[in-house]
Amino acid sequence: MCEQPSFPIPETAQADRATGRYIITFREDAVTEGLALLSDQAGITGLANAADFPDSALEFSQCEGAGGAVFPTLGVAVVSLDEGGFSSIMTSAGEDSAIRAIEPERTFYAIEDGLSLEYLRSAMRWITCTRKPLLQR
């Protein structure tokens, strides 16, 4: 994975800013085993589960109190870990482990602050052109 973003970062943003949480990727069909490993090795339990919400629309306010969230369909969890928990999970992760990867969650920005006037005009032309045929159906 490339360490540097391939897009311009707004001047107001810090490059490669970590959130303090970690993204844990589980091996295919190993979410349950991975969650058990998180519980055993780092004491992480009671994560908010996206599958428990209608249409998997997780409410982030519930994630904060739970220490993170698990997205079973995607096979990932986002968790808060202290240094001891991180080290413990890293030593237990391996080829036979239910955990495929652990990496810091980072904030990146896909576009610069503000959009150019020309971009907005083009977008409006596109919306206007595509909306008319849809309304005429």
Protein backbone atom coordinates (compact mmCIF):
# COMPACT_ATOMS: atom_id res chain seq x y z
CA MET A 1 0.00 0.00 0.00
CA CYS A 2 1.31 3.45 -0.89
CA GLU A 3 2.20 5.53 2.16
CA GLN A 4 1.68 8.87 0.40
CA PRO A 5 -1.73 9.99 -0.91
CA SER A 6 -1.99 10.30 -4.67
CA PHE A 7 -4.18 13.40 -4.47
CA PRO A 8 -3.69 16.97 -3.26
CA ILE A 9 -4.23 17.50 0.45
CA PRO A 10 -6.01 20.71 1.47
CA GLU A 11 -3.65 23.23 3.05
CA THR A 12 -5.75 23.13 6.22
CA ALA A 13 -5.29 19.37 6.60
CA GLN A 14 -2.39 17.48 8.07
CA ALA A 15 -0.93 14.81 5.82
CA ASP A 16 -1.43 11.24 6.97
CA ARG A 17 -3.26 12.08 10.18
CA ALA A 18 -3.98 8.99 12.31
CA THR A 19 -7.25 8.91 14.26
CA GLY A 20 -5.94 6.80 17.14
CA ARG A 21 -8.07 3.81 16.10
CA TYR A 22 -7.02 0.72 14.18
CA ILE A 23 -8.60 -1.08 11.22
CA ILE A 24 -8.49 -4.82 11.72
CA THR A 25 -9.08 -6.96 8.66
CA PHE A 26 -10.22 -10.52 9.27
CA ARG A 27 -9.54 -13.50 7.05
CA GLU A 28 -12.45 -14.61 4.89
CA ASP A 29 -15.21 -16.24 6.95
CA ALA A 30 -13.24 -15.68 10.18
CA VAL A 31 -15.00 -12.67 11.73
CA THR A 32 -16.30 -14.64 14.73
CA GLU A 33 -12.86 -16.15 15.39
CA GLY A 34 -11.25 -12.74 14.96
CA LEU A 35 -13.60 -11.13 17.47
CA ALA A 36 -12.82 -13.94 19.94
CA LEU A 37 -9.11 -13.25 19.42
CA LEU A 38 -9.66 -9.53 20.10
CA SER A 39 -11.50 -10.43 23.28
CA ASP A 40 -8.84 -12.90 24.48
CA GLN A 41 -5.77 -10.87 23.56
CA ALA A 42 -6.86 -7.27 24.12
CA GLY A 43 -10.03 -7.51 26.22
CA ILE A 44 -12.11 -5.91 23.46
CA THR A 45 -15.74 -6.94 23.82
CA GLY A 46 -19.15 -5.47 23.05
CA LEU A 47 -18.23 -3.77 19.79
CA ALA A 48 -21.12 -2.14 17.97
CA ASN A 49 -22.09 -4.51 15.17
CA ALA A 50 -23.30 -3.04 11.86
CA ALA A 51 -25.44 -6.15 11.33
CA ASP A 52 -27.56 -5.14 14.36
CA PHE A 53 -28.76 -1.93 12.67
CA PRO A 54 -31.37 -1.61 9.92
CA ASP A 55 -29.63 -1.66 6.54
CA SER A 56 -26.31 -1.87 8.45
CA ALA A 57 -26.61 1.88 9.09
CA LEU A 58 -24.41 2.08 12.16
CA GLU A 59 -24.92 4.97 14.55
CA PHE A 60 -21.46 6.27 15.37
CA SER A 61 -22.53 7.60 18.77
CA GLN A 62 -22.87 3.98 19.87
CA CYS A 63 -19.39 3.12 18.59
CA GLU A 64 -17.64 5.52 20.92
CA GLY A 65 -18.96 3.91 24.08
CA ALA A 66 -18.30 0.42 22.74
CA GLY A 67 -14.67 1.14 21.82
CA GLY A 68 -15.27 0.54 18.13
CA ALA A 69 -17.39 -1.30 15.61
CA VAL A 70 -17.40 -4.46 13.56
CA PHE A 71 -18.60 -4.65 9.96
CA PRO A 72 -19.09 -8.40 9.45
CA THR A 73 -20.13 -8.19 5.79
CA LEU A 74 -16.87 -6.41 5.00
CA GLY A 75 -14.81 -8.54 7.37
CA VAL A 76 -13.33 -5.59 9.26
CA ALA A 77 -13.46 -3.94 12.66
CA VAL A 78 -12.44 -0.44 13.70
CA VAL A 79 -11.27 -0.37 17.31
CA SER A 80 -9.50 1.78 19.86
CA LEU A 81 -6.42 0.01 21.22
CA ASP A 82 -3.86 0.98 23.81
CA GLU A 83 -0.21 0.13 23.19
CA GLY A 84 -0.45 -3.13 25.19
CA GLY A 85 -3.53 -4.31 23.33
CA PHE A 86 -1.97 -3.48 19.99
CA SER A 87 1.23 -5.38 20.84
CA SER A 88 -0.73 -8.37 22.09
CA ILE A 89 -2.81 -8.63 18.94
CA MET A 90 0.22 -8.13 16.69
CA THR A 91 2.05 -11.04 18.32
CA SER A 92 -0.95 -13.33 17.96
CA ALA A 93 -1.59 -12.40 14.32
CA GLY A 94 0.02 -14.73 11.82
CA GLU A 95 -0.61 -16.97 8.84
CA ASP A 96 -2.97 -19.19 10.82
CA SER A 97 -4.62 -16.31 12.65
CA ALA A 98 -8.16 -15.08 12.00
CA ILE A 99 -6.67 -11.58 11.74
CA ARG A 100 -5.20 -10.77 8.34
CA ALA A 101 -3.99 -7.20 8.98
CA ILE A 102 -3.92 -4.40 11.53
CA GLU A 103 -3.23 -0.85 10.49
CA PRO A 104 -3.84 2.63 11.88
CA GLU A 105 -7.02 4.34 10.72
CA ARG A 106 -6.06 7.50 8.89
CA THR A 107 -7.90 10.56 7.64
CA PHE A 108 -7.28 11.48 4.03
CA TYR A 109 -8.95 14.11 1.90
CA ALA A 110 -10.04 13.21 -1.61
CA ILE A 111 -10.44 16.75 -2.94
CA GLU A 112 -9.13 20.18 -2.09
CA ASP A 113 -11.19 22.66 -0.10
CA GLY A 114 -13.70 24.34 -2.37
CA LEU A 115 -14.57 23.45 -5.92
CA SER A 116 -13.69 25.57 -8.91
CA LEU A 117 -16.42 27.60 -10.56
CA GLU A 118 -15.81 25.77 -13.85
CA TYR A 119 -16.31 22.39 -12.13
CA LEU A 120 -19.60 23.55 -10.59
CA ARG A 121 -20.84 24.90 -13.94
CA SER A 122 -20.01 21.60 -15.65
CA ALA A 123 -21.79 19.67 -12.91
CA MET A 124 -24.90 21.83 -13.30
CA ARG A 125 -24.90 21.32 -17.08
CA TRP A 126 -24.64 17.56 -16.58
CA ILE A 127 -27.45 17.52 -14.01
CA THR A 128 -29.68 19.64 -16.24
CA CYS A 129 -29.03 17.46 -19.31
CA THR A 130 -29.59 14.15 -17.54
CA ARG A 131 -32.61 15.26 -15.51
CA LYS A 132 -34.75 16.31 -18.49
CA PRO A 133 -34.87 12.87 -20.14
CA LEU A 134 -35.64 11.24 -16.80
CA LEU A 135 -38.54 13.61 -16.13
CA GLN A 136 -40.01 13.04 -19.60
CA ARG A 137 -40.42 9.28 -19.01
